[in-house]
Amino acid sequence: MWQLGFPSPHVHYFDSASLIAIIGRHGFKEIDRHRLASLSASGLYARVRYSRDVPVWKAVAITVAVTVMIPLLRLLPSDSTVWLSHSTSTRLTRAGRCRG
């Protein structure tokens, strides 16, 4: 992945089928899911320049080009989803583990 070594909120990447299987195996059920915008102009320049391998002029050009394209890119499907789930068990142990 091109983001290797970059600070990122992503720890793991899952597809929908795997995530449903994982949460189900651990006693959770999906409540809802919401799509997030894939790209934001806020902080874009800093993200492009983070590794310092990209020259300033090129980072500015990329930032301007992508910022101009954001309205068009929002017409495409999002690649980020927030999942809401809840435990199917009502009892919790002291350690916070579900008990059926």
Protein backbone atom coordinates (compact mmCIF):
# COMPACT_ATOMS: atom_id res chain seq x y z
CA MET A 1 0.00 0.00 0.00
CA TRP A 2 1.25 3.47 -0.77
CA GLN A 3 0.41 4.61 2.79
CA LEU A 4 2.86 2.17 4.40
CA GLY A 5 4.65 4.00 7.21
CA PHE A 6 2.22 6.94 7.19
CA PRO A 7 0.20 7.84 10.27
CA SER A 8 -3.29 6.60 9.57
CA PRO A 9 -6.44 5.78 11.50
CA HIS A 10 -6.59 2.47 9.60
CA VAL A 11 -5.36 -0.53 11.53
CA HIS A 12 -7.06 -3.24 9.46
CA TYR A 13 -8.95 -3.40 6.19
CA PHE A 14 -12.00 -5.69 5.80
CA ASP A 15 -14.63 -6.38 3.19
CA SER A 16 -18.30 -6.53 4.24
CA ALA A 17 -18.56 -10.35 4.26
CA SER A 18 -15.47 -10.78 6.48
CA LEU A 19 -16.58 -8.12 8.93
CA ILE A 20 -20.07 -9.62 9.28
CA ALA A 21 -18.49 -13.05 9.91
CA ILE A 22 -16.05 -11.67 12.51
CA ILE A 23 -18.61 -9.68 14.50
CA GLY A 24 -21.07 -12.59 14.37
CA ARG A 25 -18.43 -15.03 15.62
CA HIS A 26 -17.81 -12.79 18.62
CA GLY A 27 -21.43 -12.30 19.62
CA PHE A 28 -22.24 -9.04 17.87
CA LYS A 29 -24.89 -8.07 15.35
CA GLU A 30 -24.81 -5.27 12.79
CA ILE A 31 -27.18 -2.41 13.61
CA ASP A 32 -26.33 -0.02 10.79
CA ARG A 33 -23.56 1.14 8.50
CA HIS A 34 -22.77 4.53 6.98
CA ARG A 35 -20.52 5.52 4.10
CA LEU A 36 -17.93 8.26 4.65
CA ALA A 37 -16.51 10.72 2.17
CA SER A 38 -13.34 9.23 0.72
CA LEU A 39 -11.48 12.48 0.36
CA SER A 40 -11.33 15.85 2.06
CA ALA A 41 -9.41 18.97 1.09
CA SER A 42 -8.69 19.63 4.76
CA GLY A 43 -5.13 18.50 5.51
CA LEU A 44 -4.55 17.24 1.96
CA TYR A 45 -1.34 19.22 1.37
CA ALA A 46 0.19 17.99 4.65
CA ARG A 47 -0.72 14.42 3.72
CA VAL A 48 0.89 14.72 0.28
CA ARG A 49 4.05 16.25 1.77
CA TYR A 50 4.27 13.91 4.79
CA SER A 51 7.05 11.69 3.42
CA ARG A 52 9.03 14.67 2.03
CA ASP A 53 9.73 12.65 -1.13
CA VAL A 54 7.34 14.91 -3.05
CA PRO A 55 8.77 18.34 -3.93
CA VAL A 56 6.82 21.41 -2.77
CA TRP A 57 5.82 22.46 -6.30
CA LYS A 58 4.48 18.99 -7.05
CA ALA A 59 2.62 18.79 -3.71
CA VAL A 60 0.96 22.14 -4.46
CA ALA A 61 -0.01 20.97 -7.97
CA ILE A 62 -1.44 17.67 -6.65
CA THR A 63 -3.33 19.47 -3.87
CA VAL A 64 -4.87 21.99 -6.27
CA ALA A 65 -5.78 19.32 -8.85
CA VAL A 66 -7.37 16.99 -6.31
CA THR A 67 -9.21 19.84 -4.56
CA VAL A 68 -10.72 20.91 -7.89
CA MET A 69 -11.75 17.29 -8.59
CA ILE A 70 -13.38 16.64 -5.18
CA PRO A 71 -16.94 17.50 -6.33
CA LEU A 72 -16.61 14.98 -9.19
CA LEU A 73 -14.97 12.36 -6.96
CA ARG A 74 -17.92 12.58 -4.55
CA LEU A 75 -20.11 11.16 -7.33
CA LEU A 76 -18.17 7.89 -7.07
CA PRO A 77 -18.97 5.26 -4.41
CA SER A 78 -17.20 5.74 -1.08
CA ASP A 79 -14.51 3.26 -0.05
CA SER A 80 -14.91 3.92 3.70
CA THR A 81 -17.69 2.63 5.93
CA VAL A 82 -18.49 3.04 9.62
CA TRP A 83 -20.16 -0.03 11.12
CA LEU A 84 -22.41 0.09 14.18
CA SER A 85 -22.95 -3.17 16.03
CA HIS A 86 -24.13 -4.35 19.41
CA SER A 87 -23.61 -7.40 21.55
CA THR A 88 -26.23 -10.10 21.25
CA SER A 89 -25.52 -10.99 24.89
CA THR A 90 -26.95 -8.97 27.77
CA ARG A 91 -24.51 -10.13 30.48
CA LEU A 92 -20.97 -8.86 30.75
CA THR A 93 -18.20 -10.19 32.98
CA ARG A 94 -15.97 -7.86 34.99
CA ALA A 95 -13.43 -7.94 32.16
CA GLY A 96 -16.10 -6.70 29.75
CA ARG A 97 -16.43 -10.05 27.94
CA CYS A 98 -19.89 -11.15 26.88
CA ARG A 99 -21.40 -14.15 28.62
CA GLY A 100 -24.41 -15.96 27.25
